[in-house]
Amino acid sequence: MSQIIRRIGVPPSARGSAGGGNCPDIFELADGNFAVIGTDQTDKLDGQLPPDASRASYERIVVITRDTLIKAKGDIPDL
């Protein structure tokens, strides 16, 4: 398992999450992959995937807020 090396974007507290109850987050891992903390919406969205999309049984559909991704955009590498 890879290690978290940095947060992508700003911390949840900088996005208005004072109590920690709504804390989506994105992290870059040492192996170059990304880890996402979000709300598991697999049951709700699985049937809505387009025909050319699929997920393995061990994968989940995770939703993060628009604000989380927009504030992370500047930290996401181009390559």
C-alpha atoms as a PDB file:
ATOM      1  CA  MET A   1       0.000   0.000   0.000  1.00  0.00           C
ATOM      2  CA  SER A   2       1.307   3.419  -0.937  1.00  0.00           C
ATOM      3  CA  GLN A   3       1.765   6.301   1.492  1.00  0.00           C
ATOM      4  CA  ILE A   4       0.054   9.701   1.449  1.00  0.00           C
ATOM      5  CA  ILE A   5       2.606  12.334   0.505  1.00  0.00           C
ATOM      6  CA  ARG A   6       0.464  15.481   0.282  1.00  0.00           C
ATOM      7  CA  ARG A   7      -3.018  16.945   0.242  1.00  0.00           C
ATOM      8  CA  ILE A   8      -4.295  18.139  -3.119  1.00  0.00           C
ATOM      9  CA  GLY A   9      -6.073  21.446  -2.614  1.00  0.00           C
ATOM     10  CA  VAL A  10      -6.938  23.128   0.634  1.00  0.00           C
ATOM     11  CA  PRO A  11      -7.900  21.480   3.936  1.00  0.00           C
ATOM     12  CA  PRO A  12     -11.605  21.002   4.668  1.00  0.00           C
ATOM     13  CA  SER A  13     -11.459  23.747   7.323  1.00  0.00           C
ATOM     14  CA  ALA A  14     -10.509  26.241   4.574  1.00  0.00           C
ATOM     15  CA  ARG A  15     -13.612  25.164   2.646  1.00  0.00           C
ATOM     16  CA  GLY A  16     -15.934  25.887   5.564  1.00  0.00           C
ATOM     17  CA  SER A  17     -16.020  22.532   7.369  1.00  0.00           C
ATOM     18  CA  ALA A  18     -15.683  23.659  10.969  1.00  0.00           C
ATOM     19  CA  GLY A  19     -17.045  20.540  12.638  1.00  0.00           C
ATOM     20  CA  GLY A  20     -15.453  17.915  10.430  1.00  0.00           C
ATOM     21  CA  GLY A  21     -18.820  16.447   9.464  1.00  0.00           C
ATOM     22  CA  ASN A  22     -18.417  17.168   5.758  1.00  0.00           C
ATOM     23  CA  CYS A  23     -14.787  16.628   4.906  1.00  0.00           C
ATOM     24  CA  PRO A  24     -14.203  15.417   1.366  1.00  0.00           C
ATOM     25  CA  ASP A  25     -10.488  15.454   0.616  1.00  0.00           C
ATOM     26  CA  ILE A  26      -7.972  14.458  -2.065  1.00  0.00           C
ATOM     27  CA  PHE A  27      -4.450  13.151  -1.438  1.00  0.00           C
ATOM     28  CA  GLU A  28      -1.525  12.311  -3.703  1.00  0.00           C
ATOM     29  CA  LEU A  29       0.122   8.983  -2.950  1.00  0.00           C
ATOM     30  CA  ALA A  30       3.810   8.112  -3.196  1.00  0.00           C
ATOM     31  CA  ASP A  31       3.123   5.823  -6.169  1.00  0.00           C
ATOM     32  CA  GLY A  32       1.551   8.714  -8.138  1.00  0.00           C
ATOM     33  CA  ASN A  33      -2.057   7.629  -7.579  1.00  0.00           C
ATOM     34  CA  PHE A  34      -4.668   9.665  -5.715  1.00  0.00           C
ATOM     35  CA  ALA A  35      -6.842   8.794  -2.720  1.00  0.00           C
ATOM     36  CA  VAL A  36     -10.232  10.444  -2.241  1.00  0.00           C
ATOM     37  CA  ILE A  37     -12.338  10.825   0.886  1.00  0.00           C
ATOM     38  CA  GLY A  38     -15.941  11.285  -0.131  1.00  0.00           C
ATOM     39  CA  THR A  39     -19.450  10.013   0.332  1.00  0.00           C
ATOM     40  CA  ASP A  40     -20.068   6.473  -0.907  1.00  0.00           C
ATOM     41  CA  GLN A  41     -22.864   6.765  -3.462  1.00  0.00           C
ATOM     42  CA  THR A  42     -22.309   3.428  -5.206  1.00  0.00           C
ATOM     43  CA  ASP A  43     -25.808   2.091  -4.583  1.00  0.00           C
ATOM     44  CA  LYS A  44     -27.379   5.296  -5.868  1.00  0.00           C
ATOM     45  CA  LEU A  45     -25.201   5.896  -8.951  1.00  0.00           C
ATOM     46  CA  ASP A  46     -24.099   2.437 -10.112  1.00  0.00           C
ATOM     47  CA  GLY A  47     -27.106   1.985 -12.401  1.00  0.00           C
ATOM     48  CA  GLN A  48     -26.511   5.401 -13.963  1.00  0.00           C
ATOM     49  CA  LEU A  49     -23.000   4.702 -15.244  1.00  0.00           C
ATOM     50  CA  PRO A  50     -22.718   5.152 -19.023  1.00  0.00           C
ATOM     51  CA  PRO A  51     -22.449   1.989 -21.134  1.00  0.00           C
ATOM     52  CA  ASP A  52     -18.684   2.393 -21.572  1.00  0.00           C
ATOM     53  CA  ALA A  53     -18.042   2.688 -17.807  1.00  0.00           C
ATOM     54  CA  SER A  54     -17.872  -0.054 -15.220  1.00  0.00           C
ATOM     55  CA  ARG A  55     -16.489  -0.757 -11.782  1.00  0.00           C
ATOM     56  CA  ALA A  56     -15.047  -3.838 -10.156  1.00  0.00           C
ATOM     57  CA  SER A  57     -16.755  -5.334  -7.109  1.00  0.00           C
ATOM     58  CA  TYR A  58     -14.001  -3.883  -4.893  1.00  0.00           C
ATOM     59  CA  GLU A  59     -14.448  -0.348  -6.313  1.00  0.00           C
ATOM     60  CA  ARG A  60     -16.865   2.255  -4.968  1.00  0.00           C
ATOM     61  CA  ILE A  61     -18.370   5.382  -6.535  1.00  0.00           C
ATOM     62  CA  VAL A  62     -17.361   8.221  -4.228  1.00  0.00           C
ATOM     63  CA  VAL A  63     -18.767  11.743  -4.465  1.00  0.00           C
ATOM     64  CA  ILE A  64     -16.820  14.839  -3.465  1.00  0.00           C
ATOM     65  CA  THR A  65     -18.088  18.402  -3.519  1.00  0.00           C
ATOM     66  CA  ARG A  66     -17.520  20.602  -6.533  1.00  0.00           C
ATOM     67  CA  ASP A  67     -15.685  23.060  -4.280  1.00  0.00           C
ATOM     68  CA  THR A  68     -13.245  20.339  -3.183  1.00  0.00           C
ATOM     69  CA  LEU A  69     -12.237  19.544  -6.750  1.00  0.00           C
ATOM     70  CA  ILE A  70     -12.111  23.159  -7.920  1.00  0.00           C
ATOM     71  CA  LYS A  71      -9.866  24.141  -5.020  1.00  0.00           C
ATOM     72  CA  ALA A  72      -7.613  21.151  -5.789  1.00  0.00           C
ATOM     73  CA  LYS A  73      -7.289  21.968  -9.488  1.00  0.00           C
ATOM     74  CA  GLY A  74      -4.130  24.055  -9.072  1.00  0.00           C
ATOM     75  CA  ASP A  75      -2.362  21.206  -7.243  1.00  0.00           C
ATOM     76  CA  ILE A  76      -3.171  18.491  -9.781  1.00  0.00           C
ATOM     77  CA  PRO A  77      -0.155  17.826 -11.994  1.00  0.00           C
ATOM     78  CA  ASP A  78      -0.572  18.025 -15.772  1.00  0.00           C
ATOM     79  CA  LEU A  79       1.274  14.743 -16.279  1.00  0.00           C
END
